[in-house]
Protein backbone atom coordinates (compact mmCIF):
# COMPACT_ATOMS: atom_id res chain seq x y z
CA MET A 1 0.25 191.13 91.41
CA SER A 2 3.20 189.18 90.07
CA ASP A 3 5.90 189.51 87.46
CA ARG A 4 9.34 188.02 86.93
CA ALA A 5 10.79 190.05 89.82
CA GLY A 6 8.44 188.64 92.44
CA ILE A 7 4.94 188.58 93.86
CA ILE A 8 3.18 191.20 95.97
CA TYR A 9 -0.33 191.17 97.36
CA ALA A 10 -2.68 193.48 99.21
CA SER A 11 -4.31 192.87 102.56
CA GLN A 12 -7.36 190.65 102.55
CA ILE A 13 -10.78 192.15 102.05
CA ASN A 14 -14.22 190.73 102.68
CA TYR A 15 -15.74 191.19 99.23
CA LYS A 16 -19.11 190.04 100.53
CA ALA A 17 -19.16 192.91 103.01
CA ASN A 18 -17.51 195.31 100.54
CA PRO A 19 -18.63 194.22 97.06
CA ALA A 20 -17.81 197.65 95.61
CA LYS A 21 -14.08 197.00 96.04
CA LEU A 22 -14.28 193.79 94.03
CA GLY A 23 -16.28 195.61 91.40
CA ARG A 24 -13.61 198.29 91.11
CA VAL A 25 -10.95 195.62 90.55
CA PHE A 26 -12.82 194.15 87.58
CA TRP A 27 -13.72 197.59 86.27
CA ARG A 28 -10.06 198.63 86.25
CA LEU A 29 -9.00 195.38 84.60
CA SER A 30 -11.57 195.89 81.87
CA ARG A 31 -10.36 199.46 81.29
CA ALA A 32 -6.65 198.65 81.37
CA THR A 33 -4.62 198.51 78.17
CA PRO A 34 -3.62 195.09 76.82
CA GLU A 35 -0.03 195.85 77.83
CA ALA A 36 -1.10 196.63 81.42
CA ARG A 37 -2.91 193.28 81.54
CA GLY A 38 0.29 191.50 80.53
CA HIS A 39 -0.02 191.20 76.76
CA ASP A 40 3.18 191.46 74.74
CA PRO A 41 2.70 193.64 71.63
CA SER A 42 5.97 192.34 70.17
CA ALA A 43 4.49 188.81 70.03
CA VAL A 44 1.80 188.53 67.35
CA ARG A 45 -0.26 185.35 67.23
CA ILE A 46 0.02 183.36 63.98
CA LEU A 47 -3.34 181.88 62.99
CA ARG A 48 -4.17 179.02 60.67
CA GLY A 49 -4.47 180.19 57.07
CA SER A 50 -2.27 183.27 57.48
CA PRO A 51 0.78 183.75 55.21
CA GLU A 52 3.11 183.18 58.18
CA TYR A 53 1.32 179.93 59.04
CA ASP A 54 1.62 178.65 55.47
CA ALA A 55 5.31 179.58 55.37
CA MET A 56 5.98 177.61 58.54
CA VAL A 57 4.11 174.42 57.63
CA ALA A 58 5.73 174.41 54.17
CA TRP A 59 8.95 173.25 55.82
CA ARG A 60 7.30 169.91 56.59
CA THR A 61 7.41 168.93 52.92
CA LYS A 62 10.47 170.74 51.58
CA THR A 63 13.24 168.50 50.30
CA LEU A 64 16.46 169.27 52.12
CA PRO A 65 19.68 167.37 52.82
CA VAL A 66 19.31 164.33 55.06
CA ASP A 67 20.04 164.98 58.73
CA ASP A 68 19.21 168.69 58.54
CA HIS A 69 19.08 169.05 62.30
CA ALA A 70 17.77 172.62 62.45
CA ARG A 71 14.93 171.95 60.00
CA GLU A 72 13.99 168.69 61.71
CA LEU A 73 13.90 170.33 65.11
CA PHE A 74 11.85 173.24 63.76
CA VAL A 75 9.31 170.88 62.18
CA GLU A 76 9.01 168.99 65.48
CA THR A 77 7.93 172.22 67.18
CA LEU A 78 5.02 172.75 64.77
CA GLU A 79 2.36 171.36 67.09
CA GLU A 80 -1.15 172.59 66.35
CA ASP A 81 -2.25 172.62 70.00
CA CYS A 82 0.52 175.10 70.87
CA PRO A 83 0.26 178.81 69.97
CA TRP A 84 2.58 180.10 67.23
CA TYR A 85 3.95 183.64 67.22
CA ARG A 86 5.80 186.20 65.18
CA LEU A 87 8.34 187.67 67.59
CA THR A 88 10.05 191.01 67.09
CA VAL A 89 13.68 191.65 67.99
CA GLN A 90 14.44 195.35 68.11
CA CYS A 91 18.16 195.84 67.54
CA GLN A 92 19.93 199.17 67.68
CA ASP A 93 20.01 199.60 63.90
CA ARG A 94 17.20 197.37 62.63
CA THR A 95 14.11 195.36 63.46
CA GLN A 96 13.98 191.63 62.71
CA TYR A 97 11.07 189.20 62.79
CA PHE A 98 11.13 185.51 63.64
CA LEU A 99 8.39 182.88 63.47
CA VAL A 100 8.29 180.41 66.35
CA ALA A 101 6.06 177.58 67.53
CA LYS A 102 6.45 175.31 70.55
CA PRO A 103 9.47 176.16 72.74
CA THR A 104 12.27 173.60 72.92
CA TYR A 105 12.98 174.71 76.48
CA ILE A 106 10.92 176.38 79.21
CA ALA A 107 12.44 177.36 82.55
CA PRO A 108 10.25 176.49 85.54
CA GLY A 109 8.91 178.90 88.11
CA LEU A 110 6.84 182.08 88.29
CA VAL A 111 9.77 184.40 89.02
CA GLY A 112 13.30 184.62 87.71
CA ARG A 113 14.59 184.58 84.15
CA GLY A 114 11.65 182.63 82.74
CA THR A 115 13.77 181.52 79.80
CA HIS A 116 12.08 180.13 76.69
CA GLY A 117 14.17 178.65 73.88
CA PHE A 118 12.90 178.48 70.28
CA VAL A 119 14.10 177.19 66.95
CA ALA A 120 13.15 180.31 65.02
CA TYR A 121 12.35 180.75 61.33
CA ASN A 122 14.19 183.84 60.12
CA VAL A 123 11.88 185.19 57.43
CA GLY A 124 14.46 187.77 56.36
CA ASP A 125 17.23 185.32 55.46
CA PRO A 126 16.28 182.63 52.90
CA LYS A 127 19.90 181.39 52.73
CA ARG A 128 20.03 180.69 56.48
CA PRO A 129 16.39 180.29 57.48
CA PHE A 130 16.83 178.86 60.98
CA ALA A 131 18.35 180.33 64.11
CA TYR A 132 18.01 179.84 67.83
CA MET A 133 16.21 182.39 69.99
CA LYS A 134 16.51 182.82 73.74
CA ASP A 135 13.61 184.79 75.22
CA CYS A 136 14.14 185.68 78.87
CA TRP A 137 13.87 188.30 81.61
CA ARG A 138 17.44 189.36 82.18
CA LEU A 139 18.76 190.88 85.39
CA VAL A 140 19.19 194.66 85.23
CA SER A 141 22.08 195.66 87.45
CA GLU A 142 25.52 197.20 87.43
CA ARG A 143 27.03 193.72 87.68
CA SER A 144 25.36 192.25 84.59
CA LYS A 145 25.39 192.98 80.87
CA GLN A 146 23.20 191.93 77.98
CA GLU A 147 24.36 188.50 76.84
CA GLY A 148 24.31 189.71 73.25
CA LYS A 149 26.91 192.37 74.05
CA ILE A 150 29.12 189.73 75.69
CA LEU A 151 28.80 187.42 72.67
CA ALA A 152 29.51 190.28 70.26
CA TYR A 153 32.69 191.06 72.21
CA LEU A 154 33.80 187.41 72.23
CA ASN A 155 33.03 187.09 68.51
CA THR A 156 35.16 190.13 67.68
CA LYS A 157 38.01 188.65 69.74
CA GLY A 158 37.91 185.50 67.62
CA VAL A 159 36.86 183.09 70.37
CA ARG A 160 35.94 179.77 68.79
CA TYR A 161 33.36 177.14 69.76
CA ILE A 162 30.84 179.71 70.98
CA PRO A 163 27.57 180.95 69.43
CA THR A 164 27.62 183.52 66.63
CA LEU A 165 25.46 186.52 67.48
CA LEU A 166 22.74 187.32 64.94
CA CYS A 167 20.79 190.01 66.81
CA HIS A 168 19.56 190.92 70.27
CA GLY A 169 17.63 193.59 72.11
CA ASP A 170 15.36 194.49 75.01
CA VAL A 171 11.61 194.34 74.50
CA SER A 172 10.51 197.95 74.82
CA GLY A 173 8.36 198.85 77.81
CA GLN A 174 8.60 195.44 79.49
CA GLU A 175 10.41 195.88 82.78
CA THR A 176 9.27 194.40 86.07
CA ALA A 177 7.41 196.67 88.49
CA THR A 178 6.91 194.68 91.69
CA GLN A 179 10.32 195.72 93.03
CA LYS A 180 9.30 199.39 92.77
CA LEU A 181 6.04 198.77 94.61
CA TRP A 182 7.89 196.82 97.30
CA GLN A 183 10.27 199.74 97.80
CA HIS A 184 7.35 202.19 97.93
CA PHE A 185 5.45 200.32 100.63
CA ASN A 186 8.57 199.44 102.65
CA ALA A 187 10.45 202.74 102.41
CA SER A 188 10.09 203.42 106.14
CA SER A 189 11.48 200.03 107.14
CA GLY A 190 15.03 200.94 106.15
CA MET A 191 15.40 197.60 104.39
CA GLY A 192 16.76 197.38 100.89
CA SER A 193 14.63 195.84 98.18
CA GLN A 194 14.54 192.05 98.25
CA MET A 195 13.54 192.00 94.58
CA GLU A 196 15.70 192.60 91.54
CA THR A 197 14.74 194.50 88.41
CA ARG A 198 14.30 192.37 85.32
CA GLN A 199 13.91 193.34 81.67
CA HIS A 200 12.30 191.28 78.90
CA TYR A 201 15.07 190.43 76.43
CA ARG A 202 15.61 188.42 73.25
CA LEU A 203 18.84 186.98 71.89
CA VAL A 204 19.22 185.21 68.53
CA VAL A 205 22.28 183.20 67.44
CA ASN A 206 23.06 181.38 64.20
CA GLU A 207 23.74 177.93 65.63
CA VAL A 208 20.99 175.42 66.41
CA GLY A 209 22.67 172.77 68.52
CA LYS A 210 21.82 169.40 69.98
CA PRO A 211 21.99 168.78 73.75
CA LEU A 212 25.23 167.25 74.98
CA TYR A 213 23.36 164.31 76.51
CA GLU A 214 22.45 163.14 72.99
CA PHE A 215 26.08 162.15 72.34
CA SER A 216 26.54 158.96 70.29
CA ASN A 217 29.32 157.37 72.33
CA GLY A 218 31.88 158.11 75.00
CA LYS A 219 34.53 159.27 72.55
CA GLN A 220 32.20 161.89 71.09
CA LEU A 221 31.26 163.02 74.61
CA VAL A 222 34.92 163.64 75.49
CA LYS A 223 35.57 165.40 72.16
CA ILE A 224 32.67 167.84 72.63
CA ILE A 225 33.71 168.66 76.19
CA THR A 226 37.33 169.12 75.06
CA GLU A 227 36.27 171.72 72.50
CA CYS A 228 34.10 173.52 75.04
CA VAL A 229 37.05 173.62 77.45
CA PHE A 230 39.05 175.20 74.64
CA ALA A 231 36.30 177.79 74.13
CA HIS A 232 36.57 178.58 77.84
CA LYS A 233 40.35 178.93 77.52
CA GLU A 234 40.14 181.19 74.46
CA ALA A 235 37.58 183.43 76.16
CA TYR A 236 40.00 183.78 79.05
CA ASP A 237 43.15 184.24 76.96
CA LYS A 238 41.76 186.49 74.22
CA ALA A 239 38.98 188.39 75.98
CA LYS A 240 39.74 188.03 79.72
CA VAL A 241 36.24 186.65 80.27
CA ILE A 242 35.34 183.73 82.54
CA HIS A 243 32.08 181.80 81.98
CA ARG A 244 31.02 181.01 85.61
CA ASN A 245 28.00 178.85 84.69
CA ILE A 246 29.25 175.53 83.32
CA SER A 247 26.48 172.93 83.18
CA VAL A 248 25.20 170.11 80.98
CA GLY A 249 22.60 172.39 79.43
CA ASN A 250 25.22 174.93 78.34
CA LEU A 251 27.33 172.51 76.30
CA LEU A 252 25.86 171.76 72.87
CA MET A 253 26.77 169.75 69.77
CA VAL A 254 26.59 171.50 66.40
CA PRO A 255 26.66 169.55 63.09
CA VAL A 256 29.44 170.87 60.83
CA GLY A 257 29.80 168.27 58.07
CA LYS A 258 29.91 164.62 57.05
CA THR A 259 32.55 161.92 57.06
CA ALA A 260 33.36 159.82 54.00
CA LYS A 261 30.92 157.25 55.40
CA GLY A 262 28.15 159.83 55.61
CA GLU A 263 28.25 160.19 59.39
CA THR A 264 27.58 163.62 60.87
CA ILE A 265 30.53 165.45 62.38
CA TYR A 266 29.75 167.53 65.46
CA ARG A 267 31.74 170.21 67.22
CA GLY A 268 31.30 171.59 70.71
CA LEU A 269 29.53 174.86 71.46
CA LEU A 270 29.81 176.59 74.85
CA THR A 271 26.68 178.68 75.32
CA ASP A 272 24.88 180.84 77.91
CA TRP A 273 27.41 183.57 78.69
CA GLU A 274 24.89 185.66 80.63
CA PHE A 275 26.67 185.22 83.96
CA SER A 276 30.20 185.59 82.59
CA LYS A 277 32.46 188.28 83.96
CA CYS A 278 35.46 190.22 82.74
CA ILE A 279 38.28 189.25 85.10
CA GLU A 280 39.99 192.63 84.73
CA LYS A 281 37.09 194.15 86.68
CA ARG A 282 36.92 191.52 89.40
CA ASN A 283 39.38 193.24 91.72
CA LEU A 284 37.26 196.39 91.82
CA LYS A 285 35.17 196.94 94.94
CA SER A 286 31.65 195.69 94.43
CA ARG A 287 28.34 196.17 96.17
CA TYR A 288 27.84 192.44 95.69
CA PRO A 289 30.89 190.67 97.17
CA GLY A 290 31.04 186.93 96.72
CA GLU A 291 28.18 186.67 94.24
CA ARG A 292 27.79 182.93 93.67
CA THR A 293 26.79 181.82 90.20
CA GLY A 294 26.41 178.48 88.47
CA ALA A 295 24.17 175.44 88.44
CA TRP A 296 24.18 173.73 91.84
CA GLN A 297 24.76 170.23 90.50
CA TYR A 298 28.01 171.17 88.72
CA MET A 299 29.56 173.72 91.07
CA SER A 300 33.00 173.02 92.49
CA VAL A 301 33.61 171.85 96.04
CA ASN A 302 35.22 175.21 96.80
CA ALA A 303 32.29 177.19 95.41
CA LEU A 304 29.75 175.09 97.30
CA SER A 305 31.72 175.12 100.54
CA LEU A 306 32.51 178.84 100.48
CA PRO A 307 29.33 180.70 99.49
CA CYS A 308 31.19 184.03 99.31
CA LYS A 309 33.92 182.75 97.00
CA GLU A 310 34.35 184.31 93.55
CA ILE A 311 34.19 181.72 90.77
CA ASP A 312 37.58 181.31 89.07
CA VAL A 313 39.05 179.19 86.27
CA VAL A 314 39.67 176.12 88.44
CA ASP A 315 36.05 176.20 89.64
CA ASP A 316 34.82 176.16 86.04
CA LEU A 317 37.21 173.36 85.09
CA GLU A 318 35.92 171.30 88.01
CA SER A 319 32.40 171.94 86.71
CA PHE A 320 33.44 170.54 83.31
CA LEU A 321 34.52 167.37 85.11
CA TYR A 322 31.12 167.06 86.80
CA VAL A 323 29.40 167.52 83.42
CA LEU A 324 31.46 164.58 82.12
CA ILE A 325 30.56 162.45 85.15
CA TRP A 326 26.86 163.42 84.90
CA CYS A 327 26.66 162.21 81.30
CA ALA A 328 28.83 159.13 81.78
CA ILE A 329 26.94 157.84 84.82
CA ARG A 330 23.60 158.18 83.06
CA TYR A 331 24.44 156.85 79.61
CA LEU A 332 27.63 154.73 79.71
CA PRO A 333 28.17 151.28 81.28
CA HIS A 334 29.68 151.19 84.77
CA THR A 335 29.60 149.34 88.07
CA CYS A 336 27.24 151.66 89.95
CA VAL A 337 24.07 149.62 90.49
CA ASP A 338 21.97 152.41 92.01
CA VAL A 339 22.20 155.36 89.65
CA ASP A 340 19.30 157.22 91.28
CA HIS A 341 20.95 157.17 94.69
CA PHE A 342 24.31 158.23 93.32
CA MET A 343 22.89 161.08 91.22
CA TYR A 344 20.93 162.47 94.14
CA ASN A 345 23.69 162.19 96.73
CA PHE A 346 26.46 163.42 94.44
CA PHE A 347 24.76 166.17 92.45
CA ASP A 348 21.57 167.25 94.22
CA HIS A 349 22.07 166.78 97.94
CA ALA A 350 23.46 169.51 100.19
CA GLU A 351 24.82 169.80 103.69
CA THR A 352 24.13 172.89 105.80
CA ASN A 353 26.77 174.86 107.66
CA ASP A 354 26.49 176.62 111.02
CA CYS A 355 24.96 179.67 109.33
CA GLY A 356 22.21 177.58 107.77
CA GLU A 357 23.67 177.92 104.26
CA TYR A 358 23.60 175.09 101.77
CA THR A 359 27.06 173.62 101.12
CA CYS A 360 28.66 170.79 99.17
CA SER A 361 27.27 167.27 99.26
CA LEU A 362 29.31 164.74 101.21
CA LEU A 363 29.60 162.32 98.30
CA LYS A 364 31.16 164.98 96.06
CA ARG A 365 33.61 165.82 98.86
CA LEU A 366 34.51 162.14 99.21
CA ALA A 367 35.25 161.80 95.50
CA ILE A 368 37.60 164.79 95.63
CA SER A 369 39.23 163.60 98.86
CA ALA A 370 39.82 160.08 97.55
CA GLY A 371 40.60 160.97 93.95
CA HIS A 372 38.13 158.32 92.82
CA LEU A 373 34.44 158.19 92.00
CA LEU A 374 32.71 156.41 94.88
CA THR A 375 29.33 155.12 95.88
CA SER A 376 27.99 156.07 99.31
CA THR A 377 29.21 152.66 100.56
CA GLN A 378 32.80 153.56 99.58
CA LYS A 379 32.95 151.29 96.52
CA ARG A 380 34.82 152.67 93.56
CA ILE A 381 32.81 153.17 90.40
CA VAL A 382 34.46 151.80 87.28
CA PHE A 383 33.36 152.74 83.76
CA LEU A 384 33.21 149.74 81.47
CA CYS A 385 33.22 149.01 77.75
CA SER A 386 30.29 146.66 78.25
CA SER A 387 27.59 146.23 80.87
CA PHE A 388 28.61 145.15 84.36
CA PRO A 389 28.10 141.34 84.65
CA THR A 390 26.12 141.67 87.88
CA PHE A 391 23.96 144.44 86.48
CA SER A 392 20.85 142.29 86.31
CA ASP A 393 18.56 143.66 88.98
CA ALA A 394 15.44 144.97 87.27
CA SER A 395 15.37 147.98 89.56
CA ALA A 396 18.82 148.98 88.33
CA ALA A 397 18.32 148.25 84.64
CA PRO A 398 18.67 151.09 82.13
CA ARG A 399 15.51 153.10 81.61
CA ASP A 400 14.41 155.68 79.11
CA SER A 401 13.62 159.11 80.52
CA ALA A 402 14.04 162.72 79.58
CA PRO A 403 17.13 164.19 81.25
CA ALA A 404 16.61 166.89 83.82
CA ILE A 405 18.75 169.98 83.31
CA ALA A 406 19.64 172.15 86.29
CA THR A 407 19.00 175.87 86.43
CA PRO A 408 21.46 178.46 87.75
CA ILE A 409 21.94 178.75 91.49
CA LEU A 410 20.75 182.36 91.29
CA GLU A 411 17.27 180.96 90.73
CA SER A 412 17.40 177.57 92.44
CA SER A 413 18.60 175.75 95.49
CA PRO A 414 19.60 172.14 96.06
CA SER A 415 16.92 169.50 96.08
CA THR A 416 15.06 168.85 99.30
CA PRO A 417 16.66 165.80 100.93
CA LEU A 418 14.78 162.62 100.07
CA ALA A 419 17.14 160.27 101.83
CA ASP A 420 19.99 160.47 104.29
CA ALA A 421 23.21 161.66 102.73
CA PRO A 422 26.17 159.27 102.95
CA SER A 423 27.75 159.65 106.35
CA ALA A 424 30.21 156.77 106.59
CA PRO A 425 33.84 157.86 107.02
CA LEU A 426 36.22 157.41 104.12
CA GLU A 427 38.11 154.27 105.06
CA SER A 428 38.83 152.16 102.02
CA CYS A 429 37.87 152.44 98.38
CA VAL A 430 36.81 148.93 97.45
CA LEU A 431 36.93 147.92 93.82
CA PRO A 432 33.83 146.00 92.70
CA SER A 433 34.33 142.34 91.93
CA ASN A 434 33.92 140.70 88.51
CA VAL A 435 35.45 143.61 86.61
CA PRO A 436 38.05 142.43 84.07
CA GLY A 437 40.89 144.91 83.78
CA GLN A 438 40.73 144.92 80.00
CA ASP A 439 37.03 145.91 80.12
CA SER A 440 37.76 149.29 81.68
CA HIS A 441 36.40 152.08 79.49
CA PRO A 442 38.87 154.76 78.27
CA ILE A 443 36.70 157.38 79.93
CA HIS A 444 37.47 155.77 83.29
CA ALA A 445 41.13 156.77 83.00
CA VAL A 446 40.10 160.31 82.04
CA VAL A 447 37.77 160.72 85.02
CA SER A 448 40.28 159.12 87.38
CA GLU A 449 43.18 161.33 86.36
CA LEU A 450 41.12 164.50 86.57
CA LEU A 451 39.82 163.53 90.00
CA GLN A 452 43.40 162.83 91.08
CA ARG A 453 44.44 166.25 89.82
CA PHE A 454 41.70 167.97 91.78
CA MET A 455 42.47 165.82 94.82
CA TRP A 456 46.02 167.16 94.83
CA PHE A 457 44.84 170.69 94.15
CA TYR A 458 42.67 170.56 97.28
CA LYS A 459 45.40 168.86 99.31
CA LEU A 460 47.86 171.59 98.39
CA GLN A 461 45.23 174.22 99.09
CA GLU A 462 44.60 172.70 102.51
CA LEU A 463 48.31 172.68 103.27
CA THR A 464 48.48 176.32 102.23
CA HIS A 465 45.65 177.09 104.65
CA GLU A 466 47.44 175.34 107.50
CA HIS A 467 50.57 177.40 106.97
CA ARG A 468 49.00 180.73 106.09
CA GLY A 469 45.69 180.81 107.89
CA VAL A 470 42.34 180.87 106.13
CA GLN A 471 43.32 182.87 103.05
CA LEU A 472 42.80 180.97 99.81
CA PRO A 473 45.76 180.67 97.43
CA MET A 474 45.73 183.17 94.57
CA ALA A 475 43.10 182.22 92.01
CA VAL A 476 44.41 180.89 88.73
CA ASP A 477 42.80 183.64 86.70
CA ASP A 478 44.47 186.34 88.80
CA SER A 479 48.01 184.95 88.47
CA PRO A 480 50.86 186.58 86.52
CA ASP A 481 51.08 185.82 82.81
CA ASP A 482 54.29 183.78 83.15
CA LEU A 483 52.39 181.14 85.07
CA TYR A 484 50.53 180.43 81.84
CA SER A 485 53.58 179.72 79.70
CA LEU A 486 52.52 176.08 79.63
CA ASP A 487 49.36 177.03 77.74
CA SER A 488 51.17 178.63 74.79
CA SER A 489 51.51 175.36 72.85
CA VAL A 490 47.89 174.26 73.19
CA ARG A 491 46.19 174.12 69.81
CA PHE A 492 42.70 172.92 68.92
CA ASP A 493 41.41 172.97 65.34
CA THR A 494 37.85 172.28 64.22
CA ASP A 495 38.61 169.02 62.40
CA ASP A 496 41.57 167.67 64.38
CA SER A 497 41.21 169.55 67.62
CA VAL A 498 42.84 166.79 69.61
CA ALA A 499 45.47 165.60 67.15
CA ASN A 500 48.17 168.28 67.25
CA MET A 501 48.64 169.05 70.93
CA ASP A 502 52.09 168.82 72.48
CA THR A 503 52.31 166.12 75.10
CA ASP A 504 52.28 167.46 78.63
CA SER A 505 55.26 166.01 80.48
CA SER A 506 53.22 165.82 83.67
CA HIS A 507 50.47 163.71 82.11
CA GLY A 508 50.00 160.59 84.17
CA ALA A 509 52.51 161.71 86.77
CA THR A 510 52.02 161.08 90.46
CA PHE A 511 52.70 163.67 93.12
CA ASP A 512 54.75 162.53 96.09
CA PHE A 513 56.07 165.36 98.22
CA THR A 514 55.47 167.09 101.52
CA TYR A 515 54.59 170.73 101.95
CA GLY A 516 57.84 171.44 103.74
CA SER A 517 59.87 170.21 100.76
CA ILE A 518 58.37 172.89 98.50
CA PRO A 519 60.09 176.29 98.48
CA ALA A 520 57.74 178.98 99.75
CA HIS A 521 57.93 181.01 96.53
CA ALA A 522 56.94 177.94 94.46
CA ARG A 523 53.94 176.72 96.44
CA ASP A 524 51.34 178.78 94.60
CA ARG A 525 52.88 177.90 91.25
CA ILE A 526 52.84 174.18 91.99
CA THR A 527 49.25 174.38 93.20
CA LYS A 528 48.24 176.01 89.91
CA ALA A 529 50.29 173.57 87.82
CA VAL A 530 48.29 170.63 89.15
CA ILE A 531 45.18 171.78 87.27
CA ASN A 532 44.77 174.53 84.68
CA HIS A 533 43.41 174.94 81.16
CA ARG A 534 46.31 173.15 79.51
CA VAL A 535 46.50 170.26 81.95
CA PHE A 536 42.74 169.69 81.89
CA GLY A 537 42.53 169.94 78.10
CA GLU A 538 45.44 167.61 77.49
CA VAL A 539 44.10 164.92 79.82
CA LEU A 540 41.03 164.85 77.56
CA ALA A 541 42.97 165.28 74.31
CA ASN A 542 45.60 162.64 75.07
CA ALA A 543 42.88 160.06 75.61
CA LEU A 544 41.39 160.88 72.21
CA ARG A 545 44.59 160.98 70.16
CA ASP A 546 46.29 157.94 71.70
CA LYS A 547 46.19 155.30 68.95
CA THR A 548 46.57 152.50 71.50
CA VAL A 549 43.31 153.43 73.22
CA ASP A 550 40.38 151.43 71.87
CA TRP A 551 37.21 153.52 72.19
CA PRO A 552 34.05 151.40 71.81
CA GLU A 553 31.67 152.71 69.15
CA ASN A 554 28.41 151.43 70.62
CA ASP A 555 28.86 152.05 74.33
CA ARG A 556 25.90 154.37 74.87
CA HIS A 557 23.06 152.97 76.97
CA ALA A 558 19.51 154.11 77.42
CA ASP A 559 19.17 156.53 80.32
CA GLN A 560 19.96 154.61 83.50
CA LEU A 561 18.23 157.14 85.73
CA ASP A 562 14.81 156.12 86.99
CA GLN A 563 11.95 157.52 84.97
CA GLY A 564 10.35 158.95 88.09
CA TYR A 565 13.49 160.74 89.24
CA ARG A 566 13.22 164.51 89.05
CA LEU A 567 15.55 167.32 90.03
CA GLU A 568 13.49 169.69 92.15
CA SER A 569 15.53 172.63 90.89
CA CYS A 570 14.51 171.95 87.29
């Protein structure tokens, strides 16, 4: 027997010697209700010729504005060899029905959340016919809430650049059972259940977004990430909520209008708040200390190195940086000639500590230690406005492939090592030859400054450890309000989100001091001032609003990751 909580099985039987037992199994299956056999009564099959079928296929021929992303994506899902369904969402005060076809996203694996994403036709709203549905098996525990309730709370607090809740609700009668059976048969062992209870759940939001990795150019990539960082900041400032699961798949682009030239304007959308947490409750004693959340590839060095560490604001900001690097390495020109090797050793690989736990990859540690993006041979990676002159090897040429999106660490682990991780000591960071200074891409300065900021954050943290023992400095999100006075002037608006920000006096500054020169009462404050919401946001925003920075319009490449490369956690 299996469900989304786990798999259990009985002891083996010899059905040749005991055919009656096998007969009883099939007899009971034949007598069981459809629900007991795994059928979902809230999902009704849509057959060819039915009114629902005709309503769905009619969208193929309807005349709508050009570049109607939601309609186009919905029509793409109308594949005849895939079953179509009418799905029910039972809200507290009403029942809503949505017509769906092929999922746009399917999470791998037999256990876990089992998330399916659909562009859904909302038959009850002709003015706004399309929405996005997330169908999953959510975790039922005292430390988790329905994502719809979290979104509703954030919406009421006025947090921008996040999804707008339409409806949500549990699917009645669909809760996992294997964890109960495990407890029943192992009650005498004294062991707690190794399985978690999961509940079938549906969430529907108004926005139908495009994946971040479909960005048009580097400038748009930075703009979308900037707006998602602002969403993160507003959730913290207005609602005291921290996201804790920043990844490429959770940053979307939503079309909001057209320019005078007819080009589509996109804004950022920070999604998937399922693992978020209210920081006001984080100091309470928990049965689950040090719960680690996030997607492995984008987790901070601290979070990967300290499995029991609570995720804080700085960890999420570091994850935003890795999202930027992930997209830039795959789709923008640069001097890294072996993208596959870099992606594996930076994002997917893991070291193991003395306790046998997976920890941070060495290449990610090296980048933070050096303050530069490096290859495993210690050569600095430079982002360029045009292709690297020596980038001619066929094995390193750009290739088309579908991007692999990581799943949360709660349901995945780092990829199984395919090659030795970089082990050479950090000696010198060699710049590649044949790189004209004027060909450096604006995104290179952004990545470099953010890496430098995090380098100093970790250096100051290490100095704090040396003088105070092993205790980490106070997390940014637990600090007194006056430490956030710098953030009061930060302003992002939908149309000119990066145009009206006050210049941060520390932008571009270098840090040259020793630990002993810092007054004891100021050490934590200085550590936090190196990187926070305002500093991170303004590094991105300054690069976008600076009129002297020439952003290339056609810098996007085809995917430079090998077509056969696959993240094992995806």
